[in-house]
């Protein structure tokens, strides 16, 4: 067992974030109160799951960050902000992630995340110049895909809430999703992670397909599910697994 831990630590040391960075995300009190949990964390979560290269350290840090924001776990966000930055996620990308997740997990979660992140940004000298522009250039709109999405939403919900239909089109898909400080693959990835962490698998079909259209591979998606089992819990991941299987099988066909 010790050999496995040492090997995993050496593998992690080759990245910007190290095994020490991972250990720093676990409060010292855990070892005093639940030593078995501390062992599972160091040996299985940090030593094996984070060391699996199917999903990069950088992506794992971003997915974990998105899950913590979604679950309103602000107490751990400072440590995970540091981890994400050390793993190669930029301050602008983290900033854009909480802006994005405000629409998918609620304003309160995003503002709590901003409060937890602020001391880390200040300590690291992050300035306004390092953050996304208020009026950025936008990525080009996939007009065919947007027209299909809009037609489906209009036919199903225009008579229920025109306001939701309109703001979904104008704020989300014609604005938020086109901002350049989080590339489409990563924007899709954090959205899927948030849906899993929130226990909303019924929303996953569209967004997992979109994530894979944007470059997320099936192997990476599977590794994300395995990773999130530790951060969102096994029941939520098993609720998401049938949806992922459907998406994978439909794309194979």
C-alpha atoms as a PDB file:
ATOM      1  CA  UNK A   1       0.000   0.000   0.000  1.00  0.00           C
ATOM      2  CA  UNK A   2       2.837   2.428   0.868  1.00  0.00           C
ATOM      3  CA  UNK A   3       4.440   1.665  -2.495  1.00  0.00           C
ATOM      4  CA  UNK A   4       1.214   2.649  -4.261  1.00  0.00           C
ATOM      5  CA  UNK A   5       1.042   5.947  -2.363  1.00  0.00           C
ATOM      6  CA  UNK A   6       4.674   6.798  -3.162  1.00  0.00           C
ATOM      7  CA  UNK A   7       4.218   5.957  -6.852  1.00  0.00           C
ATOM      8  CA  UNK A   8       1.090   8.082  -7.059  1.00  0.00           C
ATOM      9  CA  UNK A   9       2.815  10.956  -5.287  1.00  0.00           C
ATOM     10  CA  UNK A  10       5.714  10.830  -7.742  1.00  0.00           C
ATOM     11  CA  UNK A  11       3.295  10.878 -10.671  1.00  0.00           C
ATOM     12  CA  UNK A  12       1.494  13.890  -9.254  1.00  0.00           C
ATOM     13  CA  UNK A  13       4.745  15.706  -8.539  1.00  0.00           C
ATOM     14  CA  UNK A  14       5.352  15.966 -12.275  1.00  0.00           C
ATOM     15  CA  UNK A  15       2.350  18.302 -12.584  1.00  0.00           C
ATOM     16  CA  UNK A  16       2.025  21.904 -11.421  1.00  0.00           C
ATOM     17  CA  UNK A  17      -0.178  20.709  -8.569  1.00  0.00           C
ATOM     18  CA  UNK A  18       1.451  18.172  -6.261  1.00  0.00           C
ATOM     19  CA  UNK A  19       0.367  15.503  -3.795  1.00  0.00           C
ATOM     20  CA  UNK A  20       1.032  18.079  -1.077  1.00  0.00           C
ATOM     21  CA  UNK A  21      -1.446  20.449  -2.753  1.00  0.00           C
ATOM     22  CA  UNK A  22      -4.068  17.688  -2.729  1.00  0.00           C
ATOM     23  CA  UNK A  23      -3.429  16.870   0.918  1.00  0.00           C
ATOM     24  CA  UNK A  24      -3.900  20.552   1.689  1.00  0.00           C
ATOM     25  CA  UNK A  25      -7.525  20.387   0.561  1.00  0.00           C
ATOM     26  CA  UNK A  26      -8.332  18.108   3.514  1.00  0.00           C
ATOM     27  CA  UNK A  27      -8.651  19.960   6.852  1.00  0.00           C
ATOM     28  CA  UNK A  28      -6.314  18.702   9.581  1.00  0.00           C
ATOM     29  CA  UNK A  29      -9.328  18.147  11.826  1.00  0.00           C
ATOM     30  CA  UNK A  30     -10.430  15.206   9.665  1.00  0.00           C
ATOM     31  CA  UNK A  31      -7.488  13.097  10.835  1.00  0.00           C
ATOM     32  CA  UNK A  32      -8.372  13.843  14.473  1.00  0.00           C
ATOM     33  CA  UNK A  33     -12.089  13.122  14.142  1.00  0.00           C
ATOM     34  CA  UNK A  34     -12.323  10.506  11.362  1.00  0.00           C
ATOM     35  CA  UNK A  35      -8.904   8.927  10.786  1.00  0.00           C
ATOM     36  CA  UNK A  36     -10.363   6.242   8.513  1.00  0.00           C
ATOM     37  CA  UNK A  37     -11.764   8.982   6.265  1.00  0.00           C
ATOM     38  CA  UNK A  38      -8.336  10.632   6.175  1.00  0.00           C
ATOM     39  CA  UNK A  39      -6.787   7.337   5.030  1.00  0.00           C
ATOM     40  CA  UNK A  40      -9.414   6.850   2.289  1.00  0.00           C
ATOM     41  CA  UNK A  41      -8.720  10.422   1.177  1.00  0.00           C
ATOM     42  CA  UNK A  42      -4.935  10.107   1.025  1.00  0.00           C
ATOM     43  CA  UNK A  43      -4.713   6.586  -0.375  1.00  0.00           C
ATOM     44  CA  UNK A  44      -7.748   6.228  -2.618  1.00  0.00           C
ATOM     45  CA  UNK A  45      -8.939   9.714  -3.553  1.00  0.00           C
ATOM     46  CA  UNK A  46      -5.631  11.602  -3.710  1.00  0.00           C
ATOM     47  CA  UNK A  47      -3.388   8.621  -4.355  1.00  0.00           C
ATOM     48  CA  UNK A  48      -5.406   6.814  -7.026  1.00  0.00           C
ATOM     49  CA  UNK A  49      -8.335   8.818  -8.406  1.00  0.00           C
ATOM     50  CA  UNK A  50      -6.457  12.100  -8.847  1.00  0.00           C
ATOM     51  CA  UNK A  51      -3.505  10.183 -10.265  1.00  0.00           C
ATOM     52  CA  UNK A  52      -5.553   8.619 -13.067  1.00  0.00           C
ATOM     53  CA  UNK A  53      -4.395  10.384 -16.218  1.00  0.00           C
ATOM     54  CA  UNK A  54      -7.605   9.615 -18.140  1.00  0.00           C
ATOM     55  CA  UNK A  55      -8.686  13.051 -16.968  1.00  0.00           C
ATOM     56  CA  UNK A  56      -5.930  15.617 -16.510  1.00  0.00           C
ATOM     57  CA  UNK A  57      -5.081  17.107 -13.128  1.00  0.00           C
ATOM     58  CA  UNK A  58      -6.175  20.481 -14.466  1.00  0.00           C
ATOM     59  CA  UNK A  59      -9.587  19.142 -15.548  1.00  0.00           C
ATOM     60  CA  UNK A  60     -10.059  17.289 -12.260  1.00  0.00           C
ATOM     61  CA  UNK A  61      -9.378  20.495 -10.344  1.00  0.00           C
ATOM     62  CA  UNK A  62     -11.900  22.396 -12.470  1.00  0.00           C
ATOM     63  CA  UNK A  63     -14.560  19.672 -12.175  1.00  0.00           C
ATOM     64  CA  UNK A  64     -14.070  19.504  -8.397  1.00  0.00           C
ATOM     65  CA  UNK A  65     -14.300  23.275  -8.134  1.00  0.00           C
ATOM     66  CA  UNK A  66     -17.581  23.230 -10.089  1.00  0.00           C
ATOM     67  CA  UNK A  67     -18.993  20.507  -7.834  1.00  0.00           C
ATOM     68  CA  UNK A  68     -18.114  22.434  -4.664  1.00  0.00           C
ATOM     69  CA  UNK A  69     -19.703  25.628  -6.018  1.00  0.00           C
ATOM     70  CA  UNK A  70     -22.843  23.690  -6.922  1.00  0.00           C
ATOM     71  CA  UNK A  71     -23.056  22.062  -3.497  1.00  0.00           C
ATOM     72  CA  UNK A  72     -22.507  25.424  -1.733  1.00  0.00           C
ATOM     73  CA  UNK A  73     -19.418  24.030   0.004  1.00  0.00           C
ATOM     74  CA  UNK A  74     -17.791  27.420   0.389  1.00  0.00           C
ATOM     75  CA  UNK A  75     -15.645  26.327   3.351  1.00  0.00           C
ATOM     76  CA  UNK A  76     -13.487  24.217   1.035  1.00  0.00           C
ATOM     77  CA  UNK A  77     -13.441  26.537  -1.940  1.00  0.00           C
ATOM     78  CA  UNK A  78     -10.429  28.575  -0.876  1.00  0.00           C
ATOM     79  CA  UNK A  79      -8.226  25.479  -0.724  1.00  0.00           C
ATOM     80  CA  UNK A  80      -9.621  24.177  -4.006  1.00  0.00           C
ATOM     81  CA  UNK A  81      -9.144  27.566  -5.672  1.00  0.00           C
ATOM     82  CA  UNK A  82      -5.451  27.338  -4.786  1.00  0.00           C
ATOM     83  CA  UNK A  83      -5.308  23.769  -6.072  1.00  0.00           C
ATOM     84  CA  UNK A  84      -6.969  24.714  -9.362  1.00  0.00           C
ATOM     85  CA  UNK A  85      -4.616  27.641  -9.909  1.00  0.00           C
ATOM     86  CA  UNK A  86      -1.604  25.420  -9.171  1.00  0.00           C
ATOM     87  CA  UNK A  87      -2.969  22.817 -11.603  1.00  0.00           C
ATOM     88  CA  UNK A  88      -3.071  25.334 -14.452  1.00  0.00           C
ATOM     89  CA  UNK A  89      -6.591  26.765 -14.343  1.00  0.00           C
ATOM     90  CA  UNK A  90      -6.274  30.527 -14.811  1.00  0.00           C
ATOM     91  CA  UNK A  91      -7.885  33.166 -12.570  1.00  0.00           C
ATOM     92  CA  UNK A  92     -10.013  34.217 -15.555  1.00  0.00           C
ATOM     93  CA  UNK A  93     -11.221  30.652 -16.099  1.00  0.00           C
ATOM     94  CA  UNK A  94     -12.232  30.258 -12.442  1.00  0.00           C
ATOM     95  CA  UNK A  95     -13.934  33.650 -12.532  1.00  0.00           C
ATOM     96  CA  UNK A  96     -15.823  32.667 -15.667  1.00  0.00           C
ATOM     97  CA  UNK A  97     -16.758  29.324 -14.106  1.00  0.00           C
ATOM     98  CA  UNK A  98     -18.572  30.921 -11.176  1.00  0.00           C
ATOM     99  CA  UNK A  99     -20.261  33.400 -13.534  1.00  0.00           C
ATOM    100  CA  UNK A 100     -21.418  30.490 -15.664  1.00  0.00           C
ATOM    101  CA  UNK A 101     -22.553  28.421 -12.685  1.00  0.00           C
ATOM    102  CA  UNK A 102     -24.619  31.300 -11.321  1.00  0.00           C
ATOM    103  CA  UNK A 103     -27.062  30.512 -14.136  1.00  0.00           C
ATOM    104  CA  UNK A 104     -26.969  26.749 -13.568  1.00  0.00           C
ATOM    105  CA  UNK A 105     -26.744  26.436  -9.783  1.00  0.00           C
ATOM    106  CA  UNK A 106     -28.088  29.770  -8.526  1.00  0.00           C
ATOM    107  CA  UNK A 107     -26.780  33.222  -7.732  1.00  0.00           C
ATOM    108  CA  UNK A 108     -26.250  32.425  -4.043  1.00  0.00           C
ATOM    109  CA  UNK A 109     -23.823  29.603  -4.809  1.00  0.00           C
ATOM    110  CA  UNK A 110     -21.819  31.804  -7.158  1.00  0.00           C
ATOM    111  CA  UNK A 111     -21.618  34.780  -4.796  1.00  0.00           C
ATOM    112  CA  UNK A 112     -20.582  32.532  -1.903  1.00  0.00           C
ATOM    113  CA  UNK A 113     -17.854  31.126  -4.155  1.00  0.00           C
ATOM    114  CA  UNK A 114     -16.649  34.628  -5.001  1.00  0.00           C
ATOM    115  CA  UNK A 115     -16.353  35.470  -1.302  1.00  0.00           C
ATOM    116  CA  UNK A 116     -14.343  32.307  -0.639  1.00  0.00           C
ATOM    117  CA  UNK A 117     -12.057  32.948  -3.620  1.00  0.00           C
ATOM    118  CA  UNK A 118     -11.391  36.635  -2.955  1.00  0.00           C
ATOM    119  CA  UNK A 119      -8.674  36.144  -0.275  1.00  0.00           C
ATOM    120  CA  UNK A 120      -6.825  33.694  -2.525  1.00  0.00           C
ATOM    121  CA  UNK A 121      -6.925  36.098  -5.462  1.00  0.00           C
ATOM    122  CA  UNK A 122      -5.723  38.941  -3.247  1.00  0.00           C
ATOM    123  CA  UNK A 123      -2.877  36.857  -1.808  1.00  0.00           C
ATOM    124  CA  UNK A 124      -1.749  35.849  -5.291  1.00  0.00           C
ATOM    125  CA  UNK A 125      -1.903  39.355  -6.684  1.00  0.00           C
ATOM    126  CA  UNK A 126      -4.734  38.720  -9.133  1.00  0.00           C
ATOM    127  CA  UNK A 127      -5.940  42.036 -10.555  1.00  0.00           C
ATOM    128  CA  UNK A 128      -8.816  43.171 -12.755  1.00  0.00           C
ATOM    129  CA  UNK A 129      -6.524  42.763 -15.768  1.00  0.00           C
ATOM    130  CA  UNK A 130      -6.342  39.023 -15.042  1.00  0.00           C
ATOM    131  CA  UNK A 131     -10.130  38.625 -15.081  1.00  0.00           C
ATOM    132  CA  UNK A 132     -12.621  38.363 -17.953  1.00  0.00           C
ATOM    133  CA  UNK A 133     -13.568  41.589 -19.707  1.00  0.00           C
ATOM    134  CA  UNK A 134     -17.005  42.986 -18.976  1.00  0.00           C
ATOM    135  CA  UNK A 135     -17.669  43.388 -22.694  1.00  0.00           C
ATOM    136  CA  UNK A 136     -15.701  40.590 -24.379  1.00  0.00           C
ATOM    137  CA  UNK A 137     -15.554  39.506 -27.975  1.00  0.00           C
ATOM    138  CA  UNK A 138     -17.875  36.559 -28.516  1.00  0.00           C
ATOM    139  CA  UNK A 139     -17.326  33.205 -30.149  1.00  0.00           C
ATOM    140  CA  UNK A 140     -19.330  32.648 -33.346  1.00  0.00           C
ATOM    141  CA  UNK A 141     -22.830  31.275 -32.818  1.00  0.00           C
ATOM    142  CA  UNK A 142     -23.639  27.844 -34.249  1.00  0.00           C
ATOM    143  CA  UNK A 143     -26.829  29.086 -35.849  1.00  0.00           C
ATOM    144  CA  UNK A 144     -28.101  25.679 -36.951  1.00  0.00           C
ATOM    145  CA  UNK A 145     -27.690  24.119 -33.495  1.00  0.00           C
ATOM    146  CA  UNK A 146     -29.167  27.174 -31.786  1.00  0.00           C
ATOM    147  CA  UNK A 147     -32.168  27.185 -34.133  1.00  0.00           C
ATOM    148  CA  UNK A 148     -32.861  23.534 -33.302  1.00  0.00           C
ATOM    149  CA  UNK A 149     -32.552  24.167 -29.563  1.00  0.00           C
ATOM    150  CA  UNK A 150     -34.753  27.265 -29.763  1.00  0.00           C
ATOM    151  CA  UNK A 151     -37.456  25.454 -31.756  1.00  0.00           C
ATOM    152  CA  UNK A 152     -37.608  22.654 -29.177  1.00  0.00           C
ATOM    153  CA  UNK A 153     -37.800  25.026 -26.233  1.00  0.00           C
ATOM    154  CA  UNK A 154     -40.370  27.261 -27.944  1.00  0.00           C
ATOM    155  CA  UNK A 155     -42.641  24.336 -28.812  1.00  0.00           C
ATOM    156  CA  UNK A 156     -42.500  22.921 -25.293  1.00  0.00           C
ATOM    157  CA  UNK A 157     -42.445  25.962 -23.056  1.00  0.00           C
ATOM    158  CA  UNK A 158     -43.346  29.222 -24.840  1.00  0.00           C
ATOM    159  CA  UNK A 159     -46.885  28.979 -23.450  1.00  0.00           C
ATOM    160  CA  UNK A 160     -45.591  28.166 -19.962  1.00  0.00           C
ATOM    161  CA  UNK A 161     -43.065  30.967 -19.379  1.00  0.00           C
ATOM    162  CA  UNK A 162     -42.100  33.226 -22.287  1.00  0.00           C
ATOM    163  CA  UNK A 163     -39.685  34.987 -19.938  1.00  0.00           C
ATOM    164  CA  UNK A 164     -37.665  31.836 -19.307  1.00  0.00           C
ATOM    165  CA  UNK A 165     -37.619  31.031 -23.021  1.00  0.00           C
ATOM    166  CA  UNK A 166     -36.455  34.546 -23.904  1.00  0.00           C
ATOM    167  CA  UNK A 167     -33.737  34.824 -21.247  1.00  0.00           C
ATOM    168  CA  UNK A 168     -32.506  31.313 -22.033  1.00  0.00           C
ATOM    169  CA  UNK A 169     -31.998  32.407 -25.627  1.00  0.00           C
ATOM    170  CA  UNK A 170     -30.658  35.914 -25.075  1.00  0.00           C
ATOM    171  CA  UNK A 171     -28.627  35.554 -21.849  1.00  0.00           C
ATOM    172  CA  UNK A 172     -27.473  31.953 -21.935  1.00  0.00           C
ATOM    173  CA  UNK A 173     -27.031  30.713 -25.487  1.00  0.00           C
ATOM    174  CA  UNK A 174     -26.568  34.031 -27.325  1.00  0.00           C
ATOM    175  CA  UNK A 175     -24.330  35.512 -24.633  1.00  0.00           C
ATOM    176  CA  UNK A 176     -22.960  33.439 -21.732  1.00  0.00           C
ATOM    177  CA  UNK A 177     -22.060  30.372 -23.806  1.00  0.00           C
ATOM    178  CA  UNK A 178     -20.227  32.559 -26.340  1.00  0.00           C
ATOM    179  CA  UNK A 179     -17.867  34.230 -23.857  1.00  0.00           C
ATOM    180  CA  UNK A 180     -14.273  33.316 -24.669  1.00  0.00           C
ATOM    181  CA  UNK A 181     -12.631  33.121 -21.244  1.00  0.00           C
ATOM    182  CA  UNK A 182     -13.864  29.553 -20.782  1.00  0.00           C
ATOM    183  CA  UNK A 183     -13.537  27.426 -23.902  1.00  0.00           C
ATOM    184  CA  UNK A 184     -16.702  25.550 -25.006  1.00  0.00           C
ATOM    185  CA  UNK A 185     -15.333  22.153 -23.889  1.00  0.00           C
ATOM    186  CA  UNK A 186     -14.634  23.417 -20.379  1.00  0.00           C
ATOM    187  CA  UNK A 187     -17.906  25.328 -20.170  1.00  0.00           C
ATOM    188  CA  UNK A 188     -19.765  22.149 -21.087  1.00  0.00           C
ATOM    189  CA  UNK A 189     -17.651  20.094 -18.678  1.00  0.00           C
ATOM    190  CA  UNK A 190     -18.408  22.285 -15.652  1.00  0.00           C
ATOM    191  CA  UNK A 191     -22.090  22.332 -16.612  1.00  0.00           C
ATOM    192  CA  UNK A 192     -22.242  18.522 -16.663  1.00  0.00           C
ATOM    193  CA  UNK A 193     -20.305  18.370 -13.387  1.00  0.00           C
ATOM    194  CA  UNK A 194     -22.773  20.800 -11.827  1.00  0.00           C
ATOM    195  CA  UNK A 195     -25.781  18.783 -12.998  1.00  0.00           C
ATOM    196  CA  UNK A 196     -24.295  15.613 -11.510  1.00  0.00           C
ATOM    197  CA  UNK A 197     -23.400  17.341  -8.249  1.00  0.00           C
ATOM    198  CA  UNK A 198     -26.895  18.852  -8.024  1.00  0.00           C
ATOM    199  CA  UNK A 199     -28.567  15.509  -8.648  1.00  0.00           C
ATOM    200  CA  UNK A 200     -30.226  16.675 -11.880  1.00  0.00           C
ATOM    201  CA  UNK A 201     -29.480  13.870 -14.367  1.00  0.00           C
ATOM    202  CA  UNK A 202     -32.642  14.650 -16.342  1.00  0.00           C
ATOM    203  CA  UNK A 203     -30.820  17.719 -17.683  1.00  0.00           C
ATOM    204  CA  UNK A 204     -27.679  15.820 -18.648  1.00  0.00           C
ATOM    205  CA  UNK A 205     -28.591  14.395 -22.049  1.00  0.00           C
ATOM    206  CA  UNK A 206     -28.411  17.719 -23.864  1.00  0.00           C
ATOM    207  CA  UNK A 207     -25.350  18.970 -22.011  1.00  0.00           C
ATOM    208  CA  UNK A 208     -23.305  15.758 -22.146  1.00  0.00           C
ATOM    209  CA  UNK A 209     -23.926  15.549 -25.889  1.00  0.00           C
ATOM    210  CA  UNK A 210     -22.897  19.185 -26.181  1.00  0.00           C
ATOM    211  CA  UNK A 211     -19.768  18.522 -24.103  1.00  0.00           C
ATOM    212  CA  UNK A 212     -18.753  15.678 -26.396  1.00  0.00           C
ATOM    213  CA  UNK A 213     -19.510  17.796 -29.465  1.00  0.00           C
ATOM    214  CA  UNK A 214     -17.174  20.374 -27.896  1.00  0.00           C
ATOM    215  CA  UNK A 215     -14.329  17.871 -27.507  1.00  0.00           C
ATOM    216  CA  UNK A 216     -14.856  15.962 -24.248  1.00  0.00           C
ATOM    217  CA  UNK A 217     -14.125  12.294 -24.950  1.00  0.00           C
ATOM    218  CA  UNK A 218     -16.157   9.347 -23.704  1.00  0.00           C
ATOM    219  CA  UNK A 219     -13.206   8.192 -21.604  1.00  0.00           C
ATOM    220  CA  UNK A 220     -12.907  11.654 -20.037  1.00  0.00           C
ATOM    221  CA  UNK A 221     -16.638  11.746 -19.326  1.00  0.00           C
ATOM    222  CA  UNK A 222     -16.427   8.349 -17.670  1.00  0.00           C
ATOM    223  CA  UNK A 223     -13.460   9.463 -15.567  1.00  0.00           C
ATOM    224  CA  UNK A 224     -15.391  12.568 -14.539  1.00  0.00           C
ATOM    225  CA  UNK A 225     -18.207  10.365 -13.217  1.00  0.00           C
ATOM    226  CA  UNK A 226     -15.715   8.275 -11.242  1.00  0.00           C
ATOM    227  CA  UNK A 227     -14.099  11.413  -9.851  1.00  0.00           C
ATOM    228  CA  UNK A 228     -17.392  13.025  -8.844  1.00  0.00           C
ATOM    229  CA  UNK A 229     -18.502   9.945  -6.931  1.00  0.00           C
ATOM    230  CA  UNK A 230     -16.160  11.152  -4.176  1.00  0.00           C
ATOM    231  CA  UNK A 231     -17.302  14.777  -4.248  1.00  0.00           C
ATOM    232  CA  UNK A 232     -21.035  14.434  -4.938  1.00  0.00           C
ATOM    233  CA  UNK A 233     -21.628  10.944  -3.548  1.00  0.00           C
ATOM    234  CA  UNK A 234     -22.269   7.570  -5.126  1.00  0.00           C
ATOM    235  CA  UNK A 235     -26.097   7.909  -5.327  1.00  0.00           C
ATOM    236  CA  UNK A 236     -25.913  11.024  -7.489  1.00  0.00           C
ATOM    237  CA  UNK A 237     -23.336   9.478  -9.770  1.00  0.00           C
ATOM    238  CA  UNK A 238     -25.366   6.287 -10.135  1.00  0.00           C
ATOM    239  CA  UNK A 239     -28.394   8.443 -11.012  1.00  0.00           C
ATOM    240  CA  UNK A 240     -26.288  10.018 -13.756  1.00  0.00           C
ATOM    241  CA  UNK A 241     -24.819   6.757 -15.086  1.00  0.00           C
ATOM    242  CA  UNK A 242     -27.897   5.609 -17.065  1.00  0.00           C
ATOM    243  CA  UNK A 243     -28.034   8.992 -18.803  1.00  0.00           C
ATOM    244  CA  UNK A 244     -24.344   8.807 -19.672  1.00  0.00           C
ATOM    245  CA  UNK A 245     -24.808   5.268 -20.995  1.00  0.00           C
ATOM    246  CA  UNK A 246     -27.704   6.414 -23.208  1.00  0.00           C
ATOM    247  CA  UNK A 247     -25.644   9.267 -24.595  1.00  0.00           C
ATOM    248  CA  UNK A 248     -22.630   7.039 -25.263  1.00  0.00           C
ATOM    249  CA  UNK A 249     -24.762   4.392 -26.972  1.00  0.00           C
ATOM    250  CA  UNK A 250     -26.676   6.904 -29.085  1.00  0.00           C
ATOM    251  CA  UNK A 251     -23.443   8.471 -30.300  1.00  0.00           C
ATOM    252  CA  UNK A 252     -21.970   5.068 -31.118  1.00  0.00           C
ATOM    253  CA  UNK A 253     -25.031   4.352 -33.267  1.00  0.00           C
END
